[in-house]
Amino acid sequence: MATDLYHRMLAYNYGDDERGELMRKVWSGHPWMVNAYTGGYSNDRDREHAIQTWCIENIGEPASPIHGKPGAWYRGSATINGWTWMGFTNEADMLRFIERWPAPDGVVEH
């Protein structure tokens, strides 16, 4: 099982096979994906740090798929308008994350 975001990521045309394969490699172990509000780099550093700290303390160590390091969760490397993909190995951890880290009131995904 996986989220719709995960299936859309798999189906997306990245422009060449190498980039598509890299995306599959990076996310394949964390199919419970969400687009999470992590904040912008310049104005929400505390939120980003708090999210990562919470994930480590409550879910476990992060993965580094490119380096072959397994982990319970993975944070995408791109943040766009304050939104970052987060992936989890199971639905229960994803749901706990969503409950703990909803987007702030008035912040809408673009």
N, C-alpha and C. Protein backbone atom coordinates (compact mmCIF):
# COMPACT_ATOMS: atom_id res chain seq x y z
N MET A 1 0.84 -1.17 0.00
CA MET A 1 0.00 0.00 0.00
C MET A 1 0.89 1.24 0.00
N ALA A 2 0.32 2.33 -0.42
CA ALA A 2 1.04 3.59 -0.51
C ALA A 2 0.04 4.72 -0.72
N THR A 3 0.53 5.95 -0.59
CA THR A 3 -0.33 7.11 -0.80
C THR A 3 -0.45 7.45 -2.29
N ASP A 4 -1.44 8.26 -2.61
CA ASP A 4 -1.60 8.74 -3.98
C ASP A 4 -0.37 9.54 -4.40
N LEU A 5 0.21 10.32 -3.48
CA LEU A 5 1.42 11.09 -3.80
C LEU A 5 2.54 10.16 -4.25
N TYR A 6 2.71 9.05 -3.58
CA TYR A 6 3.74 8.08 -3.96
C TYR A 6 3.48 7.56 -5.37
N HIS A 7 2.25 7.20 -5.67
CA HIS A 7 1.92 6.68 -7.00
C HIS A 7 2.12 7.76 -8.08
N ARG A 8 1.78 8.99 -7.77
CA ARG A 8 2.01 10.09 -8.73
C ARG A 8 3.50 10.30 -8.95
N MET A 9 4.31 10.20 -7.89
CA MET A 9 5.76 10.35 -8.01
C MET A 9 6.31 9.26 -8.93
N LEU A 10 5.84 8.03 -8.77
CA LEU A 10 6.31 6.93 -9.62
C LEU A 10 5.94 7.14 -11.08
N ALA A 11 4.74 7.67 -11.32
CA ALA A 11 4.23 7.81 -12.69
C ALA A 11 4.76 9.05 -13.42
N TYR A 12 5.30 9.99 -12.69
CA TYR A 12 5.73 11.26 -13.30
C TYR A 12 6.85 11.03 -14.31
N ASN A 13 6.84 11.80 -15.39
CA ASN A 13 7.89 11.74 -16.40
C ASN A 13 8.99 12.73 -16.02
N TYR A 14 10.10 12.23 -15.55
CA TYR A 14 11.21 13.08 -15.10
C TYR A 14 12.12 13.53 -16.22
N GLY A 15 11.83 13.12 -17.43
CA GLY A 15 12.60 13.60 -18.57
C GLY A 15 13.65 12.62 -19.06
N ASP A 16 14.12 11.75 -18.20
CA ASP A 16 15.04 10.70 -18.63
C ASP A 16 14.97 9.54 -17.63
N ASP A 17 15.39 8.38 -18.11
CA ASP A 17 15.28 7.16 -17.29
C ASP A 17 16.13 7.23 -16.03
N GLU A 18 17.28 7.86 -16.12
CA GLU A 18 18.18 7.93 -14.96
C GLU A 18 17.55 8.71 -13.80
N ARG A 19 16.94 9.84 -14.11
CA ARG A 19 16.28 10.63 -13.06
C ARG A 19 15.08 9.89 -12.48
N GLY A 20 14.31 9.24 -13.32
CA GLY A 20 13.17 8.47 -12.85
C GLY A 20 13.61 7.33 -11.95
N GLU A 21 14.67 6.64 -12.32
CA GLU A 21 15.19 5.54 -11.50
C GLU A 21 15.70 6.06 -10.16
N LEU A 22 16.33 7.21 -10.15
CA LEU A 22 16.80 7.80 -8.89
C LEU A 22 15.63 8.09 -7.96
N MET A 23 14.54 8.65 -8.49
CA MET A 23 13.37 8.94 -7.66
C MET A 23 12.77 7.65 -7.10
N ARG A 24 12.70 6.60 -7.91
CA ARG A 24 12.19 5.32 -7.43
C ARG A 24 13.10 4.77 -6.33
N LYS A 25 14.40 4.89 -6.52
CA LYS A 25 15.35 4.40 -5.51
C LYS A 25 15.20 5.16 -4.20
N VAL A 26 15.08 6.47 -4.29
CA VAL A 26 15.00 7.32 -3.10
C VAL A 26 13.73 7.05 -2.30
N TRP A 27 12.60 6.90 -2.98
CA TRP A 27 11.32 6.82 -2.29
C TRP A 27 10.77 5.41 -2.11
N SER A 28 11.34 4.41 -2.73
CA SER A 28 10.74 3.07 -2.71
C SER A 28 10.57 2.49 -1.31
N GLY A 29 11.42 2.82 -0.37
CA GLY A 29 11.30 2.30 0.99
C GLY A 29 10.37 3.09 1.87
N HIS A 30 9.83 4.19 1.33
CA HIS A 30 8.99 5.10 2.14
C HIS A 30 7.75 5.51 1.35
N PRO A 31 6.90 4.52 1.02
CA PRO A 31 5.75 4.78 0.15
C PRO A 31 4.59 5.53 0.81
N TRP A 32 4.67 5.75 2.12
CA TRP A 32 3.63 6.51 2.80
C TRP A 32 4.08 7.96 2.81
N MET A 33 3.88 8.63 1.67
CA MET A 33 4.37 10.00 1.44
C MET A 33 3.30 11.05 1.68
N VAL A 34 3.75 12.19 2.21
CA VAL A 34 2.89 13.36 2.35
C VAL A 34 3.67 14.59 1.92
N ASN A 35 2.94 15.60 1.50
CA ASN A 35 3.54 16.89 1.22
C ASN A 35 3.31 17.72 2.48
N ALA A 36 4.35 17.87 3.28
CA ALA A 36 4.24 18.47 4.61
C ALA A 36 4.70 19.91 4.60
N TYR A 37 4.01 20.74 5.36
CA TYR A 37 4.46 22.12 5.53
C TYR A 37 5.61 22.14 6.52
N THR A 38 6.80 22.39 6.02
CA THR A 38 8.00 22.46 6.86
C THR A 38 8.48 23.89 7.03
N GLY A 39 7.89 24.81 6.29
CA GLY A 39 8.27 26.21 6.40
C GLY A 39 9.33 26.59 5.38
N GLY A 40 9.48 27.88 5.17
CA GLY A 40 10.50 28.38 4.26
C GLY A 40 11.85 28.43 4.96
N TYR A 41 12.90 28.38 4.18
CA TYR A 41 14.25 28.35 4.73
C TYR A 41 14.55 29.55 5.62
N SER A 42 14.16 30.72 5.18
CA SER A 42 14.56 31.92 5.91
C SER A 42 13.67 32.27 7.09
N ASN A 43 12.43 31.78 7.12
CA ASN A 43 11.55 32.24 8.19
C ASN A 43 11.03 31.15 9.12
N ASP A 44 11.29 29.90 8.84
CA ASP A 44 10.75 28.83 9.68
C ASP A 44 11.80 27.78 10.02
N ARG A 45 13.04 28.18 10.26
CA ARG A 45 14.08 27.21 10.58
C ARG A 45 13.75 26.42 11.83
N ASP A 46 13.13 27.06 12.82
CA ASP A 46 12.78 26.36 14.05
C ASP A 46 11.80 25.23 13.77
N ARG A 47 10.83 25.46 12.89
CA ARG A 47 9.85 24.41 12.57
C ARG A 47 10.55 23.23 11.90
N GLU A 48 11.41 23.50 10.94
CA GLU A 48 12.12 22.43 10.24
C GLU A 48 12.94 21.60 11.22
N HIS A 49 13.66 22.24 12.10
CA HIS A 49 14.48 21.53 13.09
C HIS A 49 13.58 20.73 14.04
N ALA A 50 12.49 21.34 14.47
CA ALA A 50 11.56 20.66 15.38
C ALA A 50 10.95 19.43 14.74
N ILE A 51 10.62 19.50 13.47
CA ILE A 51 10.05 18.36 12.76
C ILE A 51 11.05 17.22 12.71
N GLN A 52 12.27 17.52 12.34
CA GLN A 52 13.28 16.47 12.24
C GLN A 52 13.57 15.86 13.62
N THR A 53 13.66 16.69 14.64
CA THR A 53 13.89 16.19 15.99
C THR A 53 12.74 15.30 16.43
N TRP A 54 11.50 15.74 16.18
CA TRP A 54 10.33 14.94 16.55
C TRP A 54 10.35 13.59 15.83
N CYS A 55 10.66 13.60 14.54
CA CYS A 55 10.69 12.35 13.78
C CYS A 55 11.72 11.38 14.36
N ILE A 56 12.90 11.87 14.69
CA ILE A 56 13.93 11.00 15.26
C ILE A 56 13.47 10.44 16.59
N GLU A 57 12.91 11.29 17.44
CA GLU A 57 12.50 10.86 18.78
C GLU A 57 11.28 9.95 18.78
N ASN A 58 10.38 10.12 17.81
CA ASN A 58 9.12 9.40 17.82
C ASN A 58 8.98 8.30 16.77
N ILE A 59 9.79 8.37 15.73
CA ILE A 59 9.68 7.39 14.66
C ILE A 59 10.98 6.60 14.49
N GLY A 60 12.10 7.26 14.62
CA GLY A 60 13.39 6.57 14.47
C GLY A 60 14.33 7.36 13.60
N GLU A 61 15.40 6.73 13.24
CA GLU A 61 16.43 7.38 12.45
C GLU A 61 15.96 7.61 11.01
N PRO A 62 16.41 8.72 10.40
CA PRO A 62 16.07 8.97 9.01
C PRO A 62 16.86 8.07 8.07
N ALA A 63 16.29 7.84 6.92
CA ALA A 63 16.96 7.07 5.87
C ALA A 63 17.83 7.99 5.02
N SER A 64 18.80 7.39 4.36
CA SER A 64 19.58 8.07 3.33
C SER A 64 19.71 7.07 2.18
N PRO A 65 18.63 6.94 1.39
CA PRO A 65 18.59 5.90 0.36
C PRO A 65 19.74 5.97 -0.66
N ILE A 66 20.17 7.16 -1.01
CA ILE A 66 21.25 7.29 -1.98
C ILE A 66 22.53 6.67 -1.44
N HIS A 67 22.70 6.71 -0.13
CA HIS A 67 23.90 6.16 0.50
C HIS A 67 23.67 4.77 1.07
N GLY A 68 22.52 4.18 0.79
CA GLY A 68 22.24 2.83 1.24
C GLY A 68 21.93 2.70 2.72
N LYS A 69 21.58 3.81 3.38
CA LYS A 69 21.28 3.79 4.81
C LYS A 69 19.76 3.66 5.00
N PRO A 70 19.31 2.55 5.58
CA PRO A 70 17.88 2.40 5.84
C PRO A 70 17.45 3.28 7.00
N GLY A 71 16.18 3.56 7.06
CA GLY A 71 15.63 4.36 8.14
C GLY A 71 14.13 4.32 8.10
N ALA A 72 13.50 4.78 9.18
CA ALA A 72 12.05 4.71 9.31
C ALA A 72 11.32 5.81 8.55
N TRP A 73 12.02 6.87 8.21
CA TRP A 73 11.40 7.99 7.50
C TRP A 73 12.43 8.66 6.62
N TYR A 74 11.94 9.46 5.67
CA TYR A 74 12.82 10.17 4.75
C TYR A 74 12.23 11.54 4.45
N ARG A 75 13.08 12.55 4.48
CA ARG A 75 12.68 13.92 4.13
C ARG A 75 13.25 14.23 2.76
N GLY A 76 12.38 14.68 1.86
CA GLY A 76 12.85 15.06 0.53
C GLY A 76 13.84 16.20 0.61
N SER A 77 14.65 16.34 -0.40
CA SER A 77 15.70 17.36 -0.38
C SER A 77 15.27 18.70 -0.94
N ALA A 78 14.06 18.79 -1.44
CA ALA A 78 13.58 20.06 -2.00
C ALA A 78 12.39 20.57 -1.20
N THR A 79 12.43 21.84 -0.85
CA THR A 79 11.30 22.50 -0.20
C THR A 79 10.84 23.60 -1.15
N ILE A 80 9.56 23.56 -1.52
CA ILE A 80 9.01 24.53 -2.46
C ILE A 80 7.88 25.28 -1.78
N ASN A 81 8.05 26.58 -1.64
CA ASN A 81 7.07 27.43 -0.97
C ASN A 81 6.71 26.91 0.42
N GLY A 82 7.70 26.34 1.12
CA GLY A 82 7.50 25.85 2.47
C GLY A 82 7.01 24.42 2.58
N TRP A 83 6.82 23.73 1.45
CA TRP A 83 6.29 22.36 1.44
C TRP A 83 7.38 21.38 1.04
N THR A 84 7.48 20.27 1.78
CA THR A 84 8.51 19.27 1.57
C THR A 84 7.88 17.88 1.61
N TRP A 85 8.29 17.01 0.71
CA TRP A 85 7.82 15.63 0.76
C TRP A 85 8.47 14.93 1.94
N MET A 86 7.64 14.18 2.67
CA MET A 86 8.11 13.34 3.76
C MET A 86 7.57 11.94 3.48
N GLY A 87 8.42 10.93 3.67
CA GLY A 87 7.99 9.56 3.44
C GLY A 87 8.24 8.70 4.66
N PHE A 88 7.39 7.71 4.84
CA PHE A 88 7.45 6.83 6.00
C PHE A 88 7.33 5.38 5.55
N THR A 89 7.86 4.47 6.36
CA THR A 89 7.82 3.06 6.00
C THR A 89 6.45 2.44 6.24
N ASN A 90 5.63 3.10 7.06
CA ASN A 90 4.31 2.53 7.35
C ASN A 90 3.27 3.64 7.54
N GLU A 91 2.03 3.24 7.38
CA GLU A 91 0.92 4.19 7.46
C GLU A 91 0.76 4.78 8.85
N ALA A 92 0.97 3.97 9.89
CA ALA A 92 0.78 4.45 11.26
C ALA A 92 1.71 5.62 11.57
N ASP A 93 2.98 5.52 11.17
CA ASP A 93 3.91 6.63 11.41
C ASP A 93 3.52 7.86 10.62
N MET A 94 3.07 7.66 9.38
CA MET A 94 2.63 8.80 8.57
C MET A 94 1.45 9.50 9.25
N LEU A 95 0.50 8.74 9.74
CA LEU A 95 -0.67 9.34 10.38
C LEU A 95 -0.30 10.08 11.66
N ARG A 96 0.63 9.53 12.43
CA ARG A 96 1.10 10.24 13.64
C ARG A 96 1.78 11.55 13.25
N PHE A 97 2.56 11.52 12.18
CA PHE A 97 3.23 12.73 11.70
C PHE A 97 2.21 13.78 11.29
N ILE A 98 1.22 13.39 10.50
CA ILE A 98 0.19 14.32 10.03
C ILE A 98 -0.55 14.94 11.21
N GLU A 99 -0.86 14.13 12.19
CA GLU A 99 -1.58 14.64 13.37
C GLU A 99 -0.73 15.65 14.13
N ARG A 100 0.56 15.38 14.27
CA ARG A 100 1.45 16.25 15.04
C ARG A 100 1.85 17.50 14.26
N TRP A 101 1.98 17.40 12.95
CA TRP A 101 2.51 18.50 12.14
C TRP A 101 1.56 18.95 11.03
N PRO A 102 0.34 19.35 11.37
CA PRO A 102 -0.55 19.89 10.33
C PRO A 102 -0.02 21.26 9.87
N ALA A 103 -0.45 21.67 8.72
CA ALA A 103 -0.08 23.03 8.27
C ALA A 103 -0.70 24.03 9.21
N PRO A 104 0.01 25.12 9.50
CA PRO A 104 -0.57 26.16 10.36
C PRO A 104 -1.84 26.73 9.75
N ASP A 105 -2.72 27.23 10.60
CA ASP A 105 -3.96 27.86 10.11
C ASP A 105 -3.62 28.93 9.07
N GLY A 106 -4.35 28.91 7.99
CA GLY A 106 -4.18 29.90 6.94
C GLY A 106 -3.12 29.55 5.91
N VAL A 107 -2.32 28.50 6.13
CA VAL A 107 -1.31 28.09 5.17
C VAL A 107 -1.91 27.01 4.29
N VAL A 108 -1.95 27.30 2.98
CA VAL A 108 -2.60 26.40 2.03
C VAL A 108 -1.55 25.92 1.04
N GLU A 109 -1.58 24.63 0.75
CA GLU A 109 -0.67 24.06 -0.24
C GLU A 109 -0.99 24.62 -1.61
N HIS A 110 0.04 24.97 -2.36
CA HIS A 110 -0.14 25.51 -3.71
C HIS A 110 -0.04 24.40 -4.72
